[in-house]
N, C-alpha and C. Protein backbone atom coordinates (compact mmCIF):
# COMPACT_ATOMS: atom_id res chain seq x y z
N UNK A 1 0.84 -1.17 0.00
CA UNK A 1 0.00 0.00 0.00
C UNK A 1 0.89 1.24 0.00
N UNK A 2 0.49 2.23 -0.77
CA UNK A 2 1.19 3.50 -0.80
C UNK A 2 0.36 4.53 -0.03
N UNK A 3 1.05 5.44 0.65
CA UNK A 3 0.38 6.48 1.41
C UNK A 3 0.99 7.83 1.04
N UNK A 4 0.12 8.80 0.81
CA UNK A 4 0.55 10.18 0.55
C UNK A 4 -0.13 11.08 1.56
N UNK A 5 0.58 12.08 2.03
CA UNK A 5 0.02 13.04 2.98
C UNK A 5 -0.24 14.36 2.26
N UNK A 6 -1.49 14.76 2.24
CA UNK A 6 -1.88 16.04 1.66
C UNK A 6 -1.21 17.17 2.44
N UNK A 7 -0.87 18.29 1.78
CA UNK A 7 -0.28 19.42 2.52
C UNK A 7 -1.14 19.88 3.70
N UNK A 8 -2.47 19.83 3.57
CA UNK A 8 -3.34 20.20 4.70
C UNK A 8 -3.15 19.24 5.87
N UNK A 9 -2.97 17.97 5.56
CA UNK A 9 -2.73 16.97 6.60
C UNK A 9 -1.42 17.28 7.32
N UNK A 10 -0.38 17.57 6.56
CA UNK A 10 0.94 17.86 7.14
C UNK A 10 0.88 19.07 8.06
N UNK A 11 0.23 20.15 7.60
CA UNK A 11 0.11 21.36 8.42
C UNK A 11 -0.70 21.09 9.69
N UNK A 12 -1.82 20.39 9.54
CA UNK A 12 -2.67 20.10 10.69
C UNK A 12 -1.94 19.22 11.69
N UNK A 13 -1.21 18.23 11.20
CA UNK A 13 -0.46 17.33 12.08
C UNK A 13 0.54 18.13 12.90
N UNK A 14 1.24 19.06 12.27
CA UNK A 14 2.25 19.87 12.96
C UNK A 14 1.63 20.71 14.07
N UNK A 15 0.35 21.06 13.94
CA UNK A 15 -0.33 21.87 14.94
C UNK A 15 -0.97 21.10 16.07
N UNK A 16 -0.90 19.78 16.01
CA UNK A 16 -1.49 18.96 17.07
C UNK A 16 -0.62 18.99 18.32
N UNK A 17 -1.24 18.79 19.50
CA UNK A 17 -0.44 18.65 20.72
C UNK A 17 0.53 17.47 20.58
N UNK A 18 1.68 17.57 21.22
CA UNK A 18 2.71 16.52 21.11
C UNK A 18 2.17 15.14 21.49
N UNK A 19 1.34 15.07 22.51
CA UNK A 19 0.81 13.76 22.94
C UNK A 19 -0.09 13.16 21.86
N UNK A 20 -0.83 14.01 21.16
CA UNK A 20 -1.70 13.52 20.08
C UNK A 20 -0.86 13.14 18.87
N UNK A 21 0.20 13.89 18.60
CA UNK A 21 1.10 13.53 17.50
C UNK A 21 1.68 12.14 17.72
N UNK A 22 2.12 11.86 18.94
CA UNK A 22 2.68 10.54 19.26
C UNK A 22 1.64 9.45 19.05
N UNK A 23 0.45 9.70 19.54
CA UNK A 23 -0.64 8.72 19.40
C UNK A 23 -0.99 8.52 17.93
N UNK A 24 -1.03 9.63 17.19
CA UNK A 24 -1.36 9.57 15.76
C UNK A 24 -0.30 8.78 15.00
N UNK A 25 0.97 8.97 15.31
CA UNK A 25 2.03 8.21 14.63
C UNK A 25 1.82 6.71 14.84
N UNK A 26 1.47 6.32 16.05
CA UNK A 26 1.24 4.90 16.33
C UNK A 26 0.03 4.38 15.54
N UNK A 27 -1.04 5.17 15.53
CA UNK A 27 -2.24 4.74 14.81
C UNK A 27 -2.00 4.71 13.30
N UNK A 28 -1.23 5.66 12.78
CA UNK A 28 -0.95 5.67 11.34
C UNK A 28 -0.04 4.51 10.96
N UNK A 29 0.88 4.13 11.83
CA UNK A 29 1.70 2.94 11.57
C UNK A 29 0.81 1.70 11.52
N UNK A 30 -0.15 1.63 12.43
CA UNK A 30 -1.11 0.53 12.43
C UNK A 30 -1.94 0.56 11.15
N UNK A 31 -2.34 1.75 10.73
CA UNK A 31 -3.10 1.93 9.50
C UNK A 31 -2.33 1.38 8.30
N UNK A 32 -1.02 1.61 8.26
CA UNK A 32 -0.20 1.09 7.17
C UNK A 32 -0.16 -0.43 7.15
N UNK A 33 -0.18 -1.03 8.33
CA UNK A 33 -0.16 -2.48 8.44
C UNK A 33 -1.52 -3.09 8.11
N UNK A 34 -2.59 -2.43 8.60
CA UNK A 34 -3.93 -2.98 8.44
C UNK A 34 -4.95 -1.84 8.52
N UNK A 35 -5.33 -1.28 7.37
CA UNK A 35 -6.27 -0.16 7.37
C UNK A 35 -7.63 -0.47 8.02
N UNK A 36 -7.94 -1.73 8.16
CA UNK A 36 -9.22 -2.12 8.75
C UNK A 36 -9.09 -2.61 10.19
N UNK A 37 -7.97 -2.28 10.84
CA UNK A 37 -7.79 -2.71 12.23
C UNK A 37 -8.95 -2.17 13.07
N UNK A 38 -9.53 -2.99 13.94
CA UNK A 38 -10.70 -2.57 14.72
C UNK A 38 -10.48 -1.29 15.54
N UNK A 39 -9.28 -1.07 16.05
CA UNK A 39 -9.08 0.12 16.89
C UNK A 39 -9.13 1.42 16.08
N UNK A 40 -8.97 1.33 14.76
CA UNK A 40 -9.03 2.52 13.92
C UNK A 40 -10.47 2.92 13.57
N UNK A 41 -11.35 1.95 13.65
CA UNK A 41 -12.76 2.18 13.34
C UNK A 41 -12.95 2.89 12.00
N UNK A 42 -12.21 2.47 10.99
CA UNK A 42 -12.32 3.11 9.68
C UNK A 42 -13.67 2.79 9.06
N UNK A 43 -14.24 3.81 8.44
CA UNK A 43 -15.48 3.64 7.70
C UNK A 43 -15.67 4.81 6.74
N UNK A 44 -16.48 4.57 5.75
CA UNK A 44 -16.76 5.59 4.74
C UNK A 44 -17.65 6.66 5.35
N UNK A 45 -17.32 7.92 5.08
CA UNK A 45 -18.13 9.01 5.62
C UNK A 45 -19.46 9.09 4.87
N UNK A 46 -20.44 9.63 5.54
CA UNK A 46 -21.75 9.81 4.92
C UNK A 46 -21.69 10.94 3.90
N UNK A 47 -22.62 10.92 2.96
CA UNK A 47 -22.72 12.01 2.01
C UNK A 47 -22.36 11.62 0.59
N UNK A 48 -22.05 10.35 0.35
CA UNK A 48 -21.80 9.91 -1.00
C UNK A 48 -20.43 10.25 -1.56
N UNK A 49 -19.61 10.96 -0.79
CA UNK A 49 -18.27 11.28 -1.26
C UNK A 49 -17.36 10.09 -0.96
N UNK A 50 -16.30 9.99 -1.69
CA UNK A 50 -15.37 8.87 -1.52
C UNK A 50 -14.31 9.19 -0.47
N UNK A 51 -14.76 9.64 0.69
CA UNK A 51 -13.85 9.98 1.77
C UNK A 51 -14.14 9.06 2.95
N UNK A 52 -13.06 8.57 3.53
CA UNK A 52 -13.13 7.66 4.67
C UNK A 52 -12.57 8.36 5.89
N UNK A 53 -12.87 7.82 7.06
CA UNK A 53 -12.31 8.37 8.29
C UNK A 53 -11.78 7.24 9.16
N UNK A 54 -10.83 7.61 10.02
CA UNK A 54 -10.27 6.68 10.98
C UNK A 54 -10.10 7.39 12.32
N UNK A 55 -10.00 6.62 13.35
CA UNK A 55 -9.96 7.16 14.72
C UNK A 55 -8.53 7.16 15.27
N UNK A 56 -8.14 8.30 15.84
CA UNK A 56 -6.89 8.40 16.56
C UNK A 56 -7.18 8.23 18.06
N UNK A 57 -8.09 9.05 18.58
CA UNK A 57 -8.56 8.95 19.97
C UNK A 57 -10.06 9.19 19.94
N UNK A 58 -10.65 9.28 21.09
CA UNK A 58 -12.09 9.57 21.16
C UNK A 58 -12.41 10.91 20.50
N UNK A 59 -11.49 11.87 20.60
CA UNK A 59 -11.75 13.22 20.08
C UNK A 59 -11.04 13.55 18.78
N UNK A 60 -10.08 12.75 18.36
CA UNK A 60 -9.29 13.06 17.17
C UNK A 60 -9.49 12.01 16.09
N UNK A 61 -9.59 12.49 14.85
CA UNK A 61 -9.84 11.63 13.68
C UNK A 61 -8.90 12.02 12.55
N UNK A 62 -8.82 11.16 11.55
CA UNK A 62 -8.15 11.51 10.30
C UNK A 62 -9.04 11.08 9.15
N UNK A 63 -8.93 11.77 8.03
CA UNK A 63 -9.71 11.41 6.86
C UNK A 63 -8.74 11.04 5.73
N UNK A 64 -9.24 10.21 4.83
CA UNK A 64 -8.41 9.78 3.71
C UNK A 64 -9.29 9.37 2.53
N UNK A 65 -8.66 9.33 1.37
CA UNK A 65 -9.31 8.84 0.16
C UNK A 65 -8.50 7.66 -0.35
N UNK A 66 -9.16 6.77 -1.02
CA UNK A 66 -8.50 5.64 -1.65
C UNK A 66 -8.53 5.88 -3.15
N UNK A 67 -7.35 6.00 -3.74
CA UNK A 67 -7.23 6.25 -5.18
C UNK A 67 -6.36 5.13 -5.74
N UNK A 68 -7.01 4.12 -6.29
CA UNK A 68 -6.26 2.94 -6.77
C UNK A 68 -5.60 2.25 -5.60
N UNK A 69 -4.27 2.14 -5.64
CA UNK A 69 -3.54 1.52 -4.53
C UNK A 69 -2.91 2.56 -3.62
N UNK A 70 -3.39 3.80 -3.71
CA UNK A 70 -2.87 4.90 -2.89
C UNK A 70 -3.89 5.32 -1.84
N UNK A 71 -3.42 5.45 -0.61
CA UNK A 71 -4.23 6.02 0.46
C UNK A 71 -3.76 7.45 0.65
N UNK A 72 -4.64 8.40 0.35
CA UNK A 72 -4.30 9.82 0.45
C UNK A 72 -4.83 10.37 1.77
N UNK A 73 -3.92 10.64 2.71
CA UNK A 73 -4.32 11.21 4.00
C UNK A 73 -4.66 12.67 3.79
N UNK A 74 -5.89 13.06 4.12
CA UNK A 74 -6.39 14.39 3.79
C UNK A 74 -6.38 15.36 4.96
N UNK A 75 -6.97 14.96 6.08
CA UNK A 75 -7.13 15.85 7.23
C UNK A 75 -6.86 15.06 8.51
N UNK A 76 -6.51 15.78 9.57
CA UNK A 76 -6.35 15.18 10.88
C UNK A 76 -6.69 16.26 11.91
N UNK A 77 -7.41 15.89 12.95
CA UNK A 77 -7.78 16.84 13.98
C UNK A 77 -9.02 16.39 14.73
N UNK A 78 -9.64 17.36 15.40
CA UNK A 78 -10.86 17.06 16.15
C UNK A 78 -12.03 16.90 15.18
N UNK A 79 -13.20 16.71 15.72
CA UNK A 79 -14.38 16.51 14.88
C UNK A 79 -14.64 17.70 13.95
N UNK A 80 -14.00 18.82 14.16
CA UNK A 80 -14.16 19.97 13.27
C UNK A 80 -13.74 19.66 11.85
N UNK A 81 -12.90 18.65 11.67
CA UNK A 81 -12.46 18.33 10.30
C UNK A 81 -13.62 17.84 9.44
N UNK A 82 -14.70 17.42 10.07
CA UNK A 82 -15.86 16.95 9.29
C UNK A 82 -16.51 18.07 8.50
N UNK A 83 -16.26 19.31 8.89
CA UNK A 83 -16.83 20.43 8.15
C UNK A 83 -16.24 20.52 6.75
N UNK A 84 -15.00 20.05 6.61
CA UNK A 84 -14.32 20.06 5.31
C UNK A 84 -13.36 18.89 5.27
N UNK A 85 -13.89 17.66 5.11
CA UNK A 85 -13.05 16.46 5.23
C UNK A 85 -12.03 16.34 4.13
C-alpha cells in the first residue's frame, strides 16, 4: 500500500499537541499495516463522497481517500475536520 500526505494533513499534524502527534504516529503505523484494524474504526463518511475516516482517539480523527492503490491522508484533527473532510 502506498500512502501520501496532503499538505493540509501535514500542516494540521504539525499543529497537534505533542501527545496527540505521538498517538497519531502509532495509529498511522497501524493503519499502514492494516487499514481495517478494529481500533481505527475506519469507515466511509456519509454524504456519497469517496472519503473515509479513521480514529486516533475519542476526540481526534483523520480522513483519507483511496485512489487505486494509494491512500491519500487528507485531514487530521478534532471533529471539526468533518466540516471540510
